[in-house]
């Protein structure tokens, strides 16, 4: 039986056990009580199984997270090693194209913008209407600060503190 079917059957048994007119438990409900006990046991078994699935999934996710961290550290180590080895090659080849047998070390010109005074640059770009050359982050509501305001009694339009429940399994 599925969990929702068990819950539905338990509800039906309760309806059969209680006299609809008086609300009293009927005296001939021994067999219904036995059936109710077995359904409760089956329900408990299913809930325990679901809890085990949650704990197993959580443990597997934690193991994967640890593996990700280990691989990230390994990748970073290899990237630093590559960078160091490239510096040695660059230093030894002195900026000239060099055939190394299995590979060729070559150079190309690159360029990038270095901003020493961002405020000054943005002011100039704004004044000269180069709006596509700078970015303004979109305003975002600082929820913790708004919550403090609301909790002190200030009404903030479009915001409300919502009480909720969370479920945890340990």
Foldseek 3Di string as FASTA:
>chain_A
DDLVVLVVVLVVLQVVQADPVPRDGDPPCPVSVVVNVVSVVVNVVVVVVVLVVVVVVVVVVVVVVVVVVVVVVVVVVVVVVVVVVVVVVCVVVVQDWADPPVDIDHDDDDDDDDDPDVVVVVVVCVVVVVVVVDDDDDDDDPVVVVVVCVVVPDDDPPDDDDDDDDDDRD
